Amino acid sequence: MAETQAAGKRKEVIGNVVSNRMNKTIVVQVVRKRSHPLYTRVISKAKKFYAHDEKNEAHIGDVVRLEETRPLSKLKRWRLKEIVRKTALVPEVVTDQK
């Protein structure tokens, strides 16, 4: 009677990386748009998700796809599934001002 059950489809979201300063963690902002039921205006709702990035491969500005997973820490419940679009990395310019 040891039947294996297929895991259900996990939730996925697509958003922009807004921070990658923590080790193996990225912060992704997901923007959802919907029409207001009474005023018929488009309303944007933004939410930030902490996600696990095992190889530290995502950078600020990248568009990424996240997949729901088990809790990894106090705030992390998502993991990086793929990088949909990479952003062009611009080198930092150091100016000497006195």
PDB file of N, CA and C in Angstrom:
ATOM      1  N   MET A   1       0.814  -1.200   0.000  1.00  0.00           N
ATOM      2  CA  MET A   1       0.000   0.000   0.000  1.00  0.00           C
ATOM      3  C   MET A   1       0.856   1.261   0.000  1.00  0.00           C
ATOM      4  N   ALA A   2       2.086   1.144  -0.411  1.00  0.00           N
ATOM      5  CA  ALA A   2       2.974   2.304  -0.446  1.00  0.00           C
ATOM      6  C   ALA A   2       2.825   2.993  -1.795  1.00  0.00           C
ATOM      7  N   GLU A   3       1.803   3.783  -1.913  1.00  0.00           N
ATOM      8  CA  GLU A   3       1.573   4.506  -3.159  1.00  0.00           C
ATOM      9  C   GLU A   3       2.272   5.855  -3.095  1.00  0.00           C
ATOM     10  N   THR A   4       2.876   6.222  -4.212  1.00  0.00           N
ATOM     11  CA  THR A   4       3.516   7.531  -4.265  1.00  0.00           C
ATOM     12  C   THR A   4       2.541   8.514  -4.878  1.00  0.00           C
ATOM     13  N   GLN A   5       2.430   9.651  -4.241  1.00  0.00           N
ATOM     14  CA  GLN A   5       1.524  10.677  -4.749  1.00  0.00           C
ATOM     15  C   GLN A   5       2.334  11.708  -5.509  1.00  0.00           C
ATOM     16  N   ALA A   6       1.820  12.109  -6.645  1.00  0.00           N
ATOM     17  CA  ALA A   6       2.488  13.132  -7.434  1.00  0.00           C
ATOM     18  C   ALA A   6       2.361  14.468  -6.719  1.00  0.00           C
ATOM     19  N   ALA A   7       3.465  15.197  -6.680  1.00  0.00           N
ATOM     20  CA  ALA A   7       3.441  16.511  -6.036  1.00  0.00           C
ATOM     21  C   ALA A   7       2.596  17.462  -6.868  1.00  0.00           C
ATOM     22  N   GLY A   8       1.852  18.318  -6.193  1.00  0.00           N
ATOM     23  CA  GLY A   8       1.026  19.287  -6.896  1.00  0.00           C
ATOM     24  C   GLY A   8       1.878  20.333  -7.587  1.00  0.00           C
ATOM     25  N   LYS A   9       1.269  21.028  -8.522  1.00  0.00           N
ATOM     26  CA  LYS A   9       1.990  22.071  -9.238  1.00  0.00           C
ATOM     27  C   LYS A   9       2.291  23.216  -8.281  1.00  0.00           C
ATOM     28  N   ARG A  10       3.538  23.630  -8.249  1.00  0.00           N
ATOM     29  CA  ARG A  10       3.950  24.706  -7.353  1.00  0.00           C
ATOM     30  C   ARG A  10       3.670  26.058  -7.983  1.00  0.00           C
ATOM     31  N   LYS A  11       3.400  27.048  -7.138  1.00  0.00           N
ATOM     32  CA  LYS A  11       3.130  28.397  -7.626  1.00  0.00           C
ATOM     33  C   LYS A  11       4.404  28.996  -8.196  1.00  0.00           C
ATOM     34  N   GLU A  12       4.236  29.808  -9.235  1.00  0.00           N
ATOM     35  CA  GLU A  12       5.356  30.515  -9.847  1.00  0.00           C
ATOM     36  C   GLU A  12       4.982  31.972 -10.023  1.00  0.00           C
ATOM     37  N   VAL A  13       5.951  32.854  -9.835  1.00  0.00           N
ATOM     38  CA  VAL A  13       5.758  34.280 -10.073  1.00  0.00           C
ATOM     39  C   VAL A  13       6.955  34.804 -10.852  1.00  0.00           C
ATOM     40  N   ILE A  14       6.731  35.893 -11.596  1.00  0.00           N
ATOM     41  CA  ILE A  14       7.794  36.537 -12.364  1.00  0.00           C
ATOM     42  C   ILE A  14       7.926  37.966 -11.856  1.00  0.00           C
ATOM     43  N   GLY A  15       9.166  38.396 -11.607  1.00  0.00           N
ATOM     44  CA  GLY A  15       9.379  39.743 -11.096  1.00  0.00           C
ATOM     45  C   GLY A  15      10.793  40.227 -11.355  1.00  0.00           C
ATOM     46  N   ASN A  16      11.072  41.455 -10.881  1.00  0.00           N
ATOM     47  CA  ASN A  16      12.372  42.092 -11.059  1.00  0.00           C
ATOM     48  C   ASN A  16      13.189  41.990  -9.780  1.00  0.00           C
ATOM     49  N   VAL A  17      14.477  41.712  -9.928  1.00  0.00           N
ATOM     50  CA  VAL A  17      15.371  41.655  -8.773  1.00  0.00           C
ATOM     51  C   VAL A  17      15.670  43.087  -8.335  1.00  0.00           C
ATOM     52  N   VAL A  18      15.393  43.403  -7.061  1.00  0.00           N
ATOM     53  CA  VAL A  18      15.653  44.746  -6.541  1.00  0.00           C
ATOM     54  C   VAL A  18      16.839  44.761  -5.576  1.00  0.00           C
ATOM     55  N   SER A  19      17.271  43.589  -5.089  1.00  0.00           N
ATOM     56  CA  SER A  19      18.435  43.532  -4.206  1.00  0.00           C
ATOM     57  C   SER A  19      19.064  42.145  -4.281  1.00  0.00           C
ATOM     58  N   ASN A  20      20.408  42.139  -4.261  1.00  0.00           N
ATOM     59  CA  ASN A  20      21.134  40.866  -4.200  1.00  0.00           C
ATOM     60  C   ASN A  20      22.322  40.983  -3.249  1.00  0.00           C
ATOM     61  N   ARG A  21      22.192  41.810  -2.235  1.00  0.00           N
ATOM     62  CA  ARG A  21      23.303  42.094  -1.328  1.00  0.00           C
ATOM     63  C   ARG A  21      23.544  40.982  -0.311  1.00  0.00           C
ATOM     64  N   MET A  22      22.558  40.131  -0.074  1.00  0.00           N
ATOM     65  CA  MET A  22      22.728  39.036   0.880  1.00  0.00           C
ATOM     66  C   MET A  22      23.296  37.810   0.162  1.00  0.00           C
ATOM     67  N   ASN A  23      24.005  36.994   0.898  1.00  0.00           N
ATOM     68  CA  ASN A  23      24.593  35.793   0.312  1.00  0.00           C
ATOM     69  C   ASN A  23      23.501  34.760   0.046  1.00  0.00           C
ATOM     70  N   LYS A  24      23.412  34.289  -1.194  1.00  0.00           N
ATOM     71  CA  LYS A  24      22.454  33.268  -1.639  1.00  0.00           C
ATOM     72  C   LYS A  24      20.997  33.691  -1.472  1.00  0.00           C
ATOM     73  N   THR A  25      20.733  34.983  -1.410  1.00  0.00           N
ATOM     74  CA  THR A  25      19.365  35.483  -1.272  1.00  0.00           C
ATOM     75  C   THR A  25      19.174  36.677  -2.191  1.00  0.00           C
ATOM     76  N   ILE A  26      18.023  36.720  -2.867  1.00  0.00           N
ATOM     77  CA  ILE A  26      17.654  37.879  -3.674  1.00  0.00           C
ATOM     78  C   ILE A  26      16.289  38.364  -3.215  1.00  0.00           C
ATOM     79  N   VAL A  27      16.038  39.653  -3.439  1.00  0.00           N
ATOM     80  CA  VAL A  27      14.730  40.231  -3.159  1.00  0.00           C
ATOM     81  C   VAL A  27      14.115  40.569  -4.510  1.00  0.00           C
ATOM     82  N   VAL A  28      12.920  40.037  -4.759  1.00  0.00           N
ATOM     83  CA  VAL A  28      12.255  40.193  -6.054  1.00  0.00           C
ATOM     84  C   VAL A  28      10.944  40.934  -5.845  1.00  0.00           C
ATOM     85  N   GLN A  29      10.721  41.972  -6.665  1.00  0.00           N
ATOM     86  CA  GLN A  29       9.468  42.720  -6.590  1.00  0.00           C
ATOM     87  C   GLN A  29       8.555  42.255  -7.721  1.00  0.00           C
ATOM     88  N   VAL A  30       7.349  41.839  -7.334  1.00  0.00           N
ATOM     89  CA  VAL A  30       6.351  41.366  -8.291  1.00  0.00           C
ATOM     90  C   VAL A  30       5.233  42.395  -8.331  1.00  0.00           C
ATOM     91  N   VAL A  31       4.915  42.893  -9.529  1.00  0.00           N
ATOM     92  CA  VAL A  31       3.864  43.896  -9.699  1.00  0.00           C
ATOM     93  C   VAL A  31       2.665  43.228 -10.350  1.00  0.00           C
ATOM     94  N   ARG A  32       1.512  43.363  -9.697  1.00  0.00           N
ATOM     95  CA  ARG A  32       0.266  42.824 -10.245  1.00  0.00           C
ATOM     96  C   ARG A  32      -0.648  43.986 -10.578  1.00  0.00           C
ATOM     97  N   LYS A  33      -1.287  43.923 -11.731  1.00  0.00           N
ATOM     98  CA  LYS A  33      -2.205  44.981 -12.156  1.00  0.00           C
ATOM     99  C   LYS A  33      -3.595  44.407 -12.297  1.00  0.00           C
ATOM    100  N   ARG A  34      -4.574  45.167 -11.800  1.00  0.00           N
ATOM    101  CA  ARG A  34      -5.962  44.744 -11.955  1.00  0.00           C
ATOM    102  C   ARG A  34      -6.845  45.973 -12.050  1.00  0.00           C
ATOM    103  N   SER A  35      -8.004  45.797 -12.606  1.00  0.00           N
ATOM    104  CA  SER A  35      -8.954  46.889 -12.781  1.00  0.00           C
ATOM    105  C   SER A  35      -9.790  47.048 -11.518  1.00  0.00           C
ATOM    106  N   HIS A  36      -9.989  48.294 -11.091  1.00  0.00           N
ATOM    107  CA  HIS A  36     -10.833  48.560  -9.927  1.00  0.00           C
ATOM    108  C   HIS A  36     -12.276  48.256 -10.311  1.00  0.00           C
ATOM    109  N   PRO A  37     -13.027  47.532  -9.460  1.00  0.00           N
ATOM    110  CA  PRO A  37     -14.385  47.127  -9.845  1.00  0.00           C
ATOM    111  C   PRO A  37     -15.364  48.284 -10.017  1.00  0.00           C
ATOM    112  N   LEU A  38     -15.182  49.366  -9.275  1.00  0.00           N
ATOM    113  CA  LEU A  38     -16.119  50.486  -9.358  1.00  0.00           C
ATOM    114  C   LEU A  38     -15.627  51.581 -10.294  1.00  0.00           C
ATOM    115  N   TYR A  39     -14.359  51.956 -10.165  1.00  0.00           N
ATOM    116  CA  TYR A  39     -13.838  53.105 -10.903  1.00  0.00           C
ATOM    117  C   TYR A  39     -13.163  52.728 -12.214  1.00  0.00           C
ATOM    118  N   THR A  40     -13.043  51.470 -12.519  1.00  0.00           N
ATOM    119  CA  THR A  40     -12.466  50.941 -13.763  1.00  0.00           C
ATOM    120  C   THR A  40     -11.083  51.517 -14.086  1.00  0.00           C
ATOM    121  N   ARG A  41     -10.311  51.845 -13.059  1.00  0.00           N
ATOM    122  CA  ARG A  41      -8.937  52.290 -13.253  1.00  0.00           C
ATOM    123  C   ARG A  41      -8.015  51.094 -12.989  1.00  0.00           C
ATOM    124  N   VAL A  42      -6.885  51.088 -13.654  1.00  0.00           N
ATOM    125  CA  VAL A  42      -5.921  50.019 -13.438  1.00  0.00           C
ATOM    126  C   VAL A  42      -5.093  50.354 -12.197  1.00  0.00           C
ATOM    127  N   ILE A  43      -5.060  49.423 -11.258  1.00  0.00           N
ATOM    128  CA  ILE A  43      -4.340  49.612 -10.006  1.00  0.00           C
ATOM    129  C   ILE A  43      -3.152  48.659  -9.988  1.00  0.00           C
ATOM    130  N   SER A  44      -1.975  49.182  -9.642  1.00  0.00           N
ATOM    131  CA  SER A  44      -0.771  48.359  -9.532  1.00  0.00           C
ATOM    132  C   SER A  44      -0.513  48.043  -8.072  1.00  0.00           C
ATOM    133  N   LYS A  45      -0.334  46.773  -7.779  1.00  0.00           N
ATOM    134  CA  LYS A  45       0.016  46.330  -6.430  1.00  0.00           C
ATOM    135  C   LYS A  45       1.379  45.666  -6.515  1.00  0.00           C
ATOM    136  N   ALA A  46       2.302  46.088  -5.672  1.00  0.00           N
ATOM    137  CA  ALA A  46       3.651  45.528  -5.675  1.00  0.00           C
ATOM    138  C   ALA A  46       3.899  44.777  -4.375  1.00  0.00           C
ATOM    139  N   LYS A  47       4.596  43.652  -4.479  1.00  0.00           N
ATOM    140  CA  LYS A  47       4.942  42.856  -3.310  1.00  0.00           C
ATOM    141  C   LYS A  47       6.360  42.336  -3.482  1.00  0.00           C
ATOM    142  N   LYS A  48       7.106  42.299  -2.382  1.00  0.00           N
ATOM    143  CA  LYS A  48       8.485  41.812  -2.430  1.00  0.00           C
ATOM    144  C   LYS A  48       8.565  40.407  -1.851  1.00  0.00           C
ATOM    145  N   PHE A  49       9.345  39.576  -2.515  1.00  0.00           N
ATOM    146  CA  PHE A  49       9.561  38.204  -2.078  1.00  0.00           C
ATOM    147  C   PHE A  49      11.057  37.977  -1.869  1.00  0.00           C
ATOM    148  N   TYR A  50      11.407  37.291  -0.787  1.00  0.00           N
ATOM    149  CA  TYR A  50      12.780  36.857  -0.565  1.00  0.00           C
ATOM    150  C   TYR A  50      12.905  35.469  -1.180  1.00  0.00           C
ATOM    151  N   ALA A  51      13.947  35.275  -1.993  1.00  0.00           N
ATOM    152  CA  ALA A  51      14.103  34.004  -2.700  1.00  0.00           C
ATOM    153  C   ALA A  51      15.528  33.483  -2.557  1.00  0.00           C
ATOM    154  N   HIS A  52      15.659  32.163  -2.607  1.00  0.00           N
ATOM    155  CA  HIS A  52      16.955  31.498  -2.492  1.00  0.00           C
ATOM    156  C   HIS A  52      17.618  31.436  -3.863  1.00  0.00           C
ATOM    157  N   ASP A  53      18.848  31.940  -3.945  1.00  0.00           N
ATOM    158  CA  ASP A  53      19.643  31.924  -5.171  1.00  0.00           C
ATOM    159  C   ASP A  53      20.941  31.181  -4.853  1.00  0.00           C
ATOM    160  N   GLU A  54      20.952  29.878  -5.071  1.00  0.00           N
ATOM    161  CA  GLU A  54      22.055  29.011  -4.631  1.00  0.00           C
ATOM    162  C   GLU A  54      23.405  29.430  -5.191  1.00  0.00           C
ATOM    163  N   LYS A  55      23.461  29.842  -6.459  1.00  0.00           N
ATOM    164  CA  LYS A  55      24.742  30.138  -7.099  1.00  0.00           C
ATOM    165  C   LYS A  55      25.036  31.634  -7.190  1.00  0.00           C
ATOM    166  N   ASN A  56      24.222  32.472  -6.564  1.00  0.00           N
ATOM    167  CA  ASN A  56      24.398  33.935  -6.617  1.00  0.00           C
ATOM    168  C   ASN A  56      24.512  34.428  -8.062  1.00  0.00           C
ATOM    169  N   GLU A  57      23.618  33.964  -8.940  1.00  0.00           N
ATOM    170  CA  GLU A  57      23.722  34.305 -10.353  1.00  0.00           C
ATOM    171  C   GLU A  57      22.801  35.437 -10.785  1.00  0.00           C
ATOM    172  N   ALA A  58      21.836  35.844  -9.975  1.00  0.00           N
ATOM    173  CA  ALA A  58      20.921  36.928 -10.342  1.00  0.00           C
ATOM    174  C   ALA A  58      21.491  38.269  -9.890  1.00  0.00           C
ATOM    175  N   HIS A  59      21.281  39.295 -10.720  1.00  0.00           N
ATOM    176  CA  HIS A  59      21.761  40.644 -10.424  1.00  0.00           C
ATOM    177  C   HIS A  59      20.582  41.612 -10.430  1.00  0.00           C
ATOM    178  N   ILE A  60      20.809  42.803  -9.880  1.00  0.00           N
ATOM    179  CA  ILE A  60      19.755  43.818  -9.817  1.00  0.00           C
ATOM    180  C   ILE A  60      19.304  44.156 -11.237  1.00  0.00           C
ATOM    181  N   GLY A  61      17.992  44.181 -11.443  1.00  0.00           N
ATOM    182  CA  GLY A  61      17.424  44.506 -12.747  1.00  0.00           C
ATOM    183  C   GLY A  61      17.037  43.294 -13.570  1.00  0.00           C
ATOM    184  N   ASP A  62      17.507  42.114 -13.206  1.00  0.00           N
ATOM    185  CA  ASP A  62      17.154  40.894 -13.937  1.00  0.00           C
ATOM    186  C   ASP A  62      15.678  40.568 -13.738  1.00  0.00           C
ATOM    187  N   VAL A  63      15.072  39.995 -14.767  1.00  0.00           N
ATOM    188  CA  VAL A  63      13.708  39.478 -14.658  1.00  0.00           C
ATOM    189  C   VAL A  63      13.838  37.985 -14.397  1.00  0.00           C
ATOM    190  N   VAL A  64      13.247  37.524 -13.280  1.00  0.00           N
ATOM    191  CA  VAL A  64      13.423  36.136 -12.859  1.00  0.00           C
ATOM    192  C   VAL A  64      12.081  35.467 -12.609  1.00  0.00           C
ATOM    193  N   ARG A  65      12.101  34.133 -12.665  1.00  0.00           N
ATOM    194  CA  ARG A  65      10.927  33.322 -12.337  1.00  0.00           C
ATOM    195  C   ARG A  65      11.228  32.604 -11.030  1.00  0.00           C
ATOM    196  N   LEU A  66      10.307  32.738 -10.060  1.00  0.00           N
ATOM    197  CA  LEU A  66      10.458  32.101  -8.756  1.00  0.00           C
ATOM    198  C   LEU A  66       9.482  30.953  -8.628  1.00  0.00           C
ATOM    199  N   GLU A  67       9.881  29.957  -7.838  1.00  0.00           N
ATOM    200  CA  GLU A  67       9.030  28.807  -7.576  1.00  0.00           C
ATOM    201  C   GLU A  67       8.867  28.663  -6.068  1.00  0.00           C
ATOM    202  N   GLU A  68       7.644  28.377  -5.640  1.00  0.00           N
ATOM    203  CA  GLU A  68       7.370  28.208  -4.221  1.00  0.00           C
ATOM    204  C   GLU A  68       8.061  26.947  -3.704  1.00  0.00           C
ATOM    205  N   THR A  69       8.549  27.012  -2.470  1.00  0.00           N
ATOM    206  CA  THR A  69       9.239  25.878  -1.872  1.00  0.00           C
ATOM    207  C   THR A  69       8.960  25.844  -0.372  1.00  0.00           C
ATOM    208  N   ARG A  70       9.565  24.895   0.306  1.00  0.00           N
ATOM    209  CA  ARG A  70       9.389  24.812   1.759  1.00  0.00           C
ATOM    210  C   ARG A  70      10.069  26.017   2.412  1.00  0.00           C
ATOM    211  N   PRO A  71       9.701  26.366   3.638  1.00  0.00           N
ATOM    212  CA  PRO A  71      10.368  27.485   4.307  1.00  0.00           C
ATOM    213  C   PRO A  71      11.861  27.209   4.498  1.00  0.00           C
ATOM    214  N   LEU A  72      12.684  28.131   4.013  1.00  0.00           N
ATOM    215  CA  LEU A  72      14.131  27.990   4.126  1.00  0.00           C
ATOM    216  C   LEU A  72      14.695  28.836   5.264  1.00  0.00           C
ATOM    217  N   SER A  73      13.979  29.883   5.644  1.00  0.00           N
ATOM    218  CA  SER A  73      14.376  30.739   6.758  1.00  0.00           C
ATOM    219  C   SER A  73      13.130  31.485   7.218  1.00  0.00           C
ATOM    220  N   LYS A  74      13.330  32.504   8.034  1.00  0.00           N
ATOM    221  CA  LYS A  74      12.194  33.264   8.555  1.00  0.00           C
ATOM    222  C   LYS A  74      11.387  33.914   7.429  1.00  0.00           C
ATOM    223  N   LEU A  75      12.057  34.394   6.387  1.00  0.00           N
ATOM    224  CA  LEU A  75      11.378  35.115   5.307  1.00  0.00           C
ATOM    225  C   LEU A  75      11.387  34.392   3.961  1.00  0.00           C
ATOM    226  N   LYS A  76      12.293  33.448   3.747  1.00  0.00           N
ATOM    227  CA  LYS A  76      12.435  32.821   2.428  1.00  0.00           C
ATOM    228  C   LYS A  76      11.524  31.615   2.272  1.00  0.00           C
ATOM    229  N   ARG A  77      10.598  31.720   1.296  1.00  0.00           N
ATOM    230  CA  ARG A  77       9.712  30.608   0.945  1.00  0.00           C
ATOM    231  C   ARG A  77       9.694  30.372  -0.569  1.00  0.00           C
ATOM    232  N   TRP A  78      10.604  31.013  -1.294  1.00  0.00           N
ATOM    233  CA  TRP A  78      10.676  30.914  -2.748  1.00  0.00           C
ATOM    234  C   TRP A  78      12.107  30.597  -3.137  1.00  0.00           C
ATOM    235  N   ARG A  79      12.278  29.995  -4.322  1.00  0.00           N
ATOM    236  CA  ARG A  79      13.623  29.758  -4.840  1.00  0.00           C
ATOM    237  C   ARG A  79      13.669  30.182  -6.302  1.00  0.00           C
ATOM    238  N   LEU A  80      14.849  30.559  -6.747  1.00  0.00           N
ATOM    239  CA  LEU A  80      15.055  30.986  -8.125  1.00  0.00           C
ATOM    240  C   LEU A  80      14.942  29.779  -9.043  1.00  0.00           C
ATOM    241  N   LYS A  81      14.012  29.853  -9.998  1.00  0.00           N
ATOM    242  CA  LYS A  81      13.845  28.759 -10.953  1.00  0.00           C
ATOM    243  C   LYS A  81      14.655  29.031 -12.213  1.00  0.00           C
ATOM    244  N   GLU A  82      14.534  30.262 -12.740  1.00  0.00           N
ATOM    245  CA  GLU A  82      15.306  30.620 -13.933  1.00  0.00           C
ATOM    246  C   GLU A  82      15.392  32.129 -14.058  1.00  0.00           C
ATOM    247  N   ILE A  83      16.390  32.577 -14.799  1.00  0.00           N
ATOM    248  CA  ILE A  83      16.514  33.995 -15.128  1.00  0.00           C
ATOM    249  C   ILE A  83      15.907  34.165 -16.506  1.00  0.00           C
ATOM    250  N   VAL A  84      14.803  34.915 -16.570  1.00  0.00           N
ATOM    251  CA  VAL A  84      14.087  35.097 -17.830  1.00  0.00           C
ATOM    252  C   VAL A  84      14.858  36.046 -18.737  1.00  0.00           C
ATOM    253  N   ARG A  85      15.310  37.176 -18.173  1.00  0.00           N
ATOM    254  CA  ARG A  85      16.052  38.163 -18.967  1.00  0.00           C
ATOM    255  C   ARG A  85      17.115  38.800 -18.087  1.00  0.00           C
ATOM    256  N   LYS A  86      18.354  38.756 -18.555  1.00  0.00           N
ATOM    257  CA  LYS A  86      19.448  39.379 -17.806  1.00  0.00           C
ATOM    258  C   LYS A  86      19.551  40.844 -18.193  1.00  0.00           C
ATOM    259  N   THR A  87      19.986  41.647 -17.247  1.00  0.00           N
ATOM    260  CA  THR A  87      20.185  43.059 -17.516  1.00  0.00           C
ATOM    261  C   THR A  87      21.657  43.284 -17.850  1.00  0.00           C
ATOM    262  N   ALA A  88      21.935  44.325 -18.617  1.00  0.00           N
ATOM    263  CA  ALA A  88      23.316  44.625 -18.969  1.00  0.00           C
ATOM    264  C   ALA A  88      24.018  45.194 -17.746  1.00  0.00           C
ATOM    265  N   LEU A  89      25.156  44.621 -17.401  1.00  0.00           N
ATOM    266  CA  LEU A  89      25.912  45.100 -16.249  1.00  0.00           C
ATOM    267  C   LEU A  89      26.739  46.306 -16.663  1.00  0.00           C
ATOM    268  N   VAL A  90      26.575  47.389 -15.927  1.00  0.00           N
ATOM    269  CA  VAL A  90      27.315  48.613 -16.194  1.00  0.00           C
ATOM    270  C   VAL A  90      28.375  48.750 -15.110  1.00  0.00           C
ATOM    271  N   PRO A  91      29.647  48.887 -15.482  1.00  0.00           N
ATOM    272  CA  PRO A  91      30.681  49.011 -14.454  1.00  0.00           C
ATOM    273  C   PRO A  91      30.528  50.315 -13.676  1.00  0.00           C
ATOM    274  N   GLU A  92      30.861  50.247 -12.375  1.00  0.00           N
ATOM    275  CA  GLU A  92      30.760  51.427 -11.527  1.00  0.00           C
ATOM    276  C   GLU A  92      31.888  52.386 -11.843  1.00  0.00           C
ATOM    277  N   VAL A  93      31.561  53.677 -11.898  1.00  0.00           N
ATOM    278  CA  VAL A  93      32.560  54.699 -12.156  1.00  0.00           C
ATOM    279  C   VAL A  93      32.933  55.330 -10.820  1.00  0.00           C
ATOM    280  N   VAL A  94      34.219  55.279 -10.490  1.00  0.00           N
ATOM    281  CA  VAL A  94      34.693  55.860  -9.233  1.00  0.00           C
ATOM    282  C   VAL A  94      35.258  57.233  -9.536  1.00  0.00           C
ATOM    283  N   THR A  95      34.719  58.240  -8.869  1.00  0.00           N
ATOM    284  CA  THR A  95      35.210  59.604  -9.068  1.00  0.00           C
ATOM    285  C   THR A  95      35.914  60.055  -7.799  1.00  0.00           C
ATOM    286  N   ASP A  96      37.003  60.759  -7.970  1.00  0.00           N
ATOM    287  CA  ASP A  96      37.766  61.273  -6.839  1.00  0.00           C
ATOM    288  C   ASP A  96      37.399  62.732  -6.618  1.00  0.00           C
ATOM    289  N   GLN A  97      36.556  62.987  -5.655  1.00  0.00           N
ATOM    290  CA  GLN A  97      36.158  64.369  -5.372  1.00  0.00           C
ATOM    291  C   GLN A  97      36.674  64.759  -4.005  1.00  0.00           C
ATOM    292  N   LYS A  98      37.276  65.937  -3.947  1.00  0.00           N
ATOM    293  CA  LYS A  98      37.810  66.426  -2.670  1.00  0.00           C
ATOM    294  C   LYS A  98      37.218  67.753  -2.308  1.00  0.00           C
TER     295      LYS A  98
END
